[in-house]
Amino acid sequence: QDHLTQMSQDGVLVLEGFLEETVVDRILDELYGVMVQIENDQFKGKNFFERNTVSGVYRLREVPSVSKTSKLFYDNSMIHSLAKAYVSKDVAPFMQLAELKRVQNKSDKNVRSISDIAHFDYWKFGFKAFLYLTDVGPNEAPFRYLKGSQTLAKEGINFQKQLAFCKYGPHAAYYSEKQIEALKVKHGFEEITCTGKRGTLILADTRGIHRGTPLRDNSRILLAQYFR
């Protein structure tokens, strides 16, 4: 109930130590080699995958077929129960993915993917769960969220943005830094940076305004599950 209350208020929840380090180690043992294969364009499996060598982002879907231990995250009853209580009893997961993010080289450290621009996913309810498999500090591409901004969906602002997206293209659905600052002043929103040790769980209402951040040091690996 406490988690549900915080989600309703903030739109985001960060729980450190959600999975023990030994479990995280097992997931990494099963998954890391596959992610490196994707990075090097050597993956021969049947899973759908994505490679972006400019932003250094590599993704794999249907992760449990590669890492059985990852089911401890994907099938977790607390996550599923909270998603049903927060969104609807009919909500269900529709995507299970892993993401590796690398610094390409010094000149590319500030290269951003489009997900690093402030945005919301859709005007309808959306719910995502992320699990950090590596320590994520300020320089390891942490997730950022504008606390309380999920309430804008009730005012129809997200819907209007979605219409603008259809009419004017992707840029219309994203928020400039000036717009973010104006929303902070008008509504008292606070943008938080979700850092955490490996094993940290992040739950987010993706109607709220959020973004990734550029990777400046090391690499970052996470698991993600999307509900709708």
Protein backbone atom coordinates (compact mmCIF):
# COMPACT_ATOMS: atom_id res chain seq x y z
CA GLN A 1 0.00 0.00 0.00
CA ASP A 2 2.87 2.39 0.76
CA HIS A 3 4.36 1.73 -2.67
CA LEU A 4 0.99 2.33 -4.32
CA THR A 5 0.53 5.61 -2.43
CA GLN A 6 3.97 6.85 -3.48
CA MET A 7 3.38 5.85 -7.10
CA SER A 8 0.08 7.71 -7.13
CA GLN A 9 1.70 10.82 -5.69
CA ASP A 10 5.06 10.88 -7.51
CA GLY A 11 4.58 8.67 -10.57
CA VAL A 12 7.90 6.99 -9.83
CA LEU A 13 9.26 4.60 -7.21
CA VAL A 14 12.91 3.63 -6.58
CA LEU A 15 13.66 0.52 -4.49
CA GLU A 16 17.31 -0.25 -3.81
CA GLY A 17 18.36 -3.83 -3.09
CA PHE A 18 15.31 -5.29 -4.83
CA LEU A 19 17.35 -8.27 -6.04
CA GLU A 20 20.37 -9.64 -4.20
CA GLU A 21 23.82 -9.28 -5.76
CA THR A 22 24.16 -13.04 -6.19
CA VAL A 23 21.00 -13.07 -8.32
CA VAL A 24 22.22 -10.09 -10.34
CA ASP A 25 25.52 -11.93 -10.91
CA ARG A 26 23.66 -14.95 -12.29
CA ILE A 27 21.64 -12.78 -14.68
CA LEU A 28 24.80 -11.07 -15.90
CA ASP A 29 26.58 -14.41 -16.38
CA GLU A 30 23.72 -15.58 -18.60
CA LEU A 31 23.17 -12.33 -20.46
CA TYR A 32 26.39 -10.36 -20.84
CA GLY A 33 27.98 -12.47 -23.56
CA VAL A 34 24.84 -12.22 -25.69
CA MET A 35 24.75 -8.42 -25.33
CA VAL A 36 28.39 -8.23 -26.44
CA GLN A 37 27.51 -10.35 -29.48
CA ILE A 38 24.79 -7.85 -30.36
CA GLU A 39 27.22 -4.98 -29.85
CA ASN A 40 29.73 -6.63 -32.21
CA ASP A 41 27.02 -7.62 -34.73
CA GLN A 42 27.69 -11.32 -34.12
CA PHE A 43 24.39 -12.40 -32.56
CA LYS A 44 22.82 -15.38 -34.36
CA GLY A 45 19.83 -15.99 -32.09
CA LYS A 46 16.17 -15.67 -33.04
CA ASN A 47 15.39 -12.88 -30.56
CA PHE A 48 14.59 -9.45 -31.95
CA PHE A 49 17.46 -7.05 -31.21
CA GLU A 50 18.46 -3.46 -31.91
CA ARG A 51 21.87 -1.85 -32.48
CA ASN A 52 22.61 1.87 -32.41
CA THR A 53 26.34 2.34 -32.78
CA VAL A 54 26.06 6.14 -32.71
CA SER A 55 24.43 6.40 -29.28
CA GLY A 56 25.96 3.10 -28.10
CA VAL A 57 22.62 1.48 -27.23
CA TYR A 58 22.08 -2.28 -27.77
CA ARG A 59 18.81 -4.04 -26.94
CA LEU A 60 17.56 -7.61 -26.79
CA ARG A 61 13.94 -8.71 -26.45
CA GLU A 62 12.43 -11.89 -24.97
CA VAL A 63 15.23 -11.94 -22.41
CA PRO A 64 14.03 -15.00 -20.40
CA SER A 65 14.84 -17.22 -23.39
CA VAL A 66 18.49 -16.24 -22.84
CA SER A 67 18.55 -15.74 -19.06
CA LYS A 68 16.31 -18.02 -17.01
CA THR A 69 17.30 -16.19 -13.84
CA SER A 70 15.84 -12.96 -15.24
CA LYS A 71 12.39 -14.46 -14.58
CA LEU A 72 12.91 -13.52 -10.92
CA PHE A 73 12.44 -9.96 -12.15
CA TYR A 74 9.99 -10.45 -15.02
CA ASP A 75 7.65 -12.76 -13.08
CA ASN A 76 7.90 -10.93 -9.76
CA SER A 77 4.51 -10.95 -8.03
CA MET A 78 5.01 -7.60 -6.28
CA ILE A 79 5.68 -5.79 -9.57
CA HIS A 80 2.72 -7.44 -11.30
CA SER A 81 0.39 -6.81 -8.34
CA LEU A 82 1.39 -3.15 -8.13
CA ALA A 83 0.91 -2.72 -11.89
CA LYS A 84 -2.61 -4.17 -11.63
CA ALA A 85 -3.48 -2.04 -8.62
CA TYR A 86 -2.07 1.13 -10.16
CA VAL A 87 -3.26 0.76 -13.76
CA SER A 88 -5.98 -1.87 -14.06
CA LYS A 89 -6.67 -5.49 -13.16
CA ASP A 90 -6.35 -6.27 -16.87
CA VAL A 91 -2.87 -4.78 -17.31
CA ALA A 92 -0.30 -7.20 -18.68
CA PRO A 93 3.36 -7.11 -19.74
CA PHE A 94 3.98 -6.79 -23.46
CA MET A 95 7.76 -6.34 -23.71
CA GLN A 96 10.72 -7.81 -21.84
CA LEU A 97 14.07 -6.40 -22.88
CA ALA A 98 17.68 -5.94 -21.85
CA GLU A 99 19.71 -2.86 -22.70
CA LEU A 100 23.45 -2.35 -22.82
CA LYS A 101 24.69 1.23 -23.10
CA ARG A 102 28.33 1.97 -23.91
CA VAL A 103 30.50 5.04 -24.23
CA GLN A 104 31.67 4.81 -27.85
CA ASN A 105 34.74 7.06 -27.63
CA LYS A 106 35.68 10.42 -26.17
CA SER A 107 34.23 12.43 -29.04
CA ASP A 108 30.89 10.62 -28.71
CA LYS A 109 30.45 10.94 -24.95
CA ASN A 110 27.76 13.57 -25.34
CA VAL A 111 25.87 11.86 -28.16
CA ARG A 112 22.26 11.45 -27.06
CA SER A 113 19.57 9.08 -28.15
CA ILE A 114 16.10 10.52 -28.72
CA SER A 115 14.98 8.95 -25.42
CA ASP A 116 17.35 11.39 -23.64
CA ILE A 117 15.01 14.26 -24.52
CA ALA A 118 12.22 14.92 -21.99
CA HIS A 119 9.00 13.22 -23.10
CA PHE A 120 6.08 11.07 -22.05
CA ASP A 121 5.30 7.75 -23.75
CA TYR A 122 1.58 8.07 -24.41
CA TRP A 123 -1.47 9.91 -23.11
CA LYS A 124 -3.01 6.66 -21.82
CA PHE A 125 -1.76 4.71 -18.80
CA GLY A 126 1.67 3.17 -19.18
CA PHE A 127 3.77 1.36 -16.59
CA LYS A 128 7.44 0.38 -16.81
CA ALA A 129 9.77 -1.52 -14.51
CA PHE A 130 13.55 -1.20 -14.76
CA LEU A 131 16.19 -3.24 -12.95
CA TYR A 132 19.77 -1.97 -12.84
CA LEU A 133 22.27 -4.81 -13.36
CA THR A 134 25.24 -2.48 -12.88
CA ASP A 135 25.85 0.36 -10.44
CA VAL A 136 24.36 3.54 -11.89
CA GLY A 137 25.75 6.84 -10.67
CA PRO A 138 25.30 10.33 -12.16
CA ASN A 139 27.66 9.49 -15.06
CA GLU A 140 26.25 6.04 -15.90
CA ALA A 141 23.12 7.15 -17.77
CA PRO A 142 20.57 7.24 -14.92
CA PHE A 143 16.84 7.54 -15.57
CA ARG A 144 15.30 10.95 -14.78
CA TYR A 145 11.67 11.66 -13.90
CA LEU A 146 9.64 14.79 -13.25
CA LYS A 147 7.83 13.81 -10.06
CA GLY A 148 4.11 14.44 -10.15
CA SER A 149 4.00 15.15 -13.89
CA GLN A 150 1.82 12.09 -14.51
CA THR A 151 -1.03 14.29 -13.24
CA LEU A 152 -0.78 16.35 -16.45
CA ALA A 153 -2.47 13.47 -18.26
CA LYS A 154 -5.66 14.17 -16.31
CA GLU A 155 -5.62 17.74 -17.60
CA GLY A 156 -5.49 16.56 -21.21
CA ILE A 157 -2.03 18.04 -21.81
CA ASN A 158 -0.59 14.69 -22.91
CA PHE A 159 -3.45 14.20 -25.34
CA GLN A 160 -2.83 17.60 -26.90
CA LYS A 161 0.87 16.78 -27.23
CA GLN A 162 -0.03 13.51 -28.92
CA LEU A 163 -2.20 15.36 -31.44
CA ALA A 164 0.66 17.77 -32.11
CA PHE A 165 2.93 14.77 -32.66
CA CYS A 166 0.56 13.44 -35.33
CA LYS A 167 0.30 16.83 -37.03
CA TYR A 168 3.80 18.26 -36.74
CA GLY A 169 6.09 15.27 -36.16
CA PRO A 170 8.18 13.85 -33.29
CA HIS A 171 9.65 17.17 -32.13
CA ALA A 172 6.18 18.32 -31.06
CA ALA A 173 5.88 15.54 -28.48
CA TYR A 174 9.11 16.40 -26.66
CA TYR A 175 9.75 19.08 -24.06
CA SER A 176 12.45 21.73 -24.25
CA GLU A 177 14.50 22.65 -21.20
CA LYS A 178 12.59 25.95 -21.08
CA GLN A 179 9.26 24.10 -21.00
CA ILE A 180 10.49 21.78 -18.24
CA GLU A 181 11.56 24.74 -16.11
CA ALA A 182 8.19 26.41 -16.67
CA LEU A 183 6.37 23.26 -15.53
CA LYS A 184 8.51 23.11 -12.39
CA VAL A 185 7.56 26.68 -11.53
CA LYS A 186 3.87 26.32 -12.38
CA HIS A 187 3.22 22.96 -10.71
CA GLY A 188 6.04 22.62 -8.19
CA PHE A 189 7.39 19.51 -9.93
CA GLU A 190 10.84 18.22 -8.99
CA GLU A 191 13.01 16.36 -11.48
CA ILE A 192 14.84 13.48 -9.80
CA THR A 193 17.80 11.45 -11.03
CA CYS A 194 17.31 7.75 -10.32
CA THR A 195 20.78 6.52 -9.41
CA GLY A 196 21.28 3.24 -7.58
CA LYS A 197 23.39 0.18 -6.94
CA ARG A 198 22.94 -2.91 -9.07
CA GLY A 199 19.76 -4.68 -8.05
CA THR A 200 17.85 -1.37 -7.81
CA LEU A 201 14.27 -1.44 -9.11
CA ILE A 202 12.59 1.60 -10.70
CA LEU A 203 8.86 1.69 -11.39
CA ALA A 204 7.45 4.53 -13.46
CA ASP A 205 4.12 5.82 -14.75
CA THR A 206 5.18 6.67 -18.29
CA ARG A 207 2.44 9.28 -18.70
CA GLY A 208 4.81 11.36 -16.58
CA ILE A 209 7.66 13.31 -18.17
CA HIS A 210 10.92 11.39 -18.13
CA ARG A 211 14.18 10.93 -20.01
CA GLY A 212 17.37 9.00 -20.17
CA THR A 213 20.76 10.66 -19.83
CA PRO A 214 24.00 10.32 -21.81
CA LEU A 215 26.52 7.75 -20.63
CA ARG A 216 29.78 9.46 -19.67
CA ASP A 217 31.63 6.67 -17.86
CA ASN A 218 31.81 2.86 -17.79
CA SER A 219 28.81 0.99 -19.22
CA ARG A 220 25.27 0.41 -18.04
CA ILE A 221 23.13 -2.72 -18.30
CA LEU A 222 19.51 -2.96 -17.26
CA LEU A 223 16.42 -5.09 -17.66
CA ALA A 224 13.08 -3.53 -18.53
CA GLN A 225 9.48 -4.68 -18.62
CA TYR A 226 6.64 -2.69 -20.17
CA PHE A 227 2.99 -3.06 -19.16
CA ARG A 228 -0.19 -1.85 -20.83
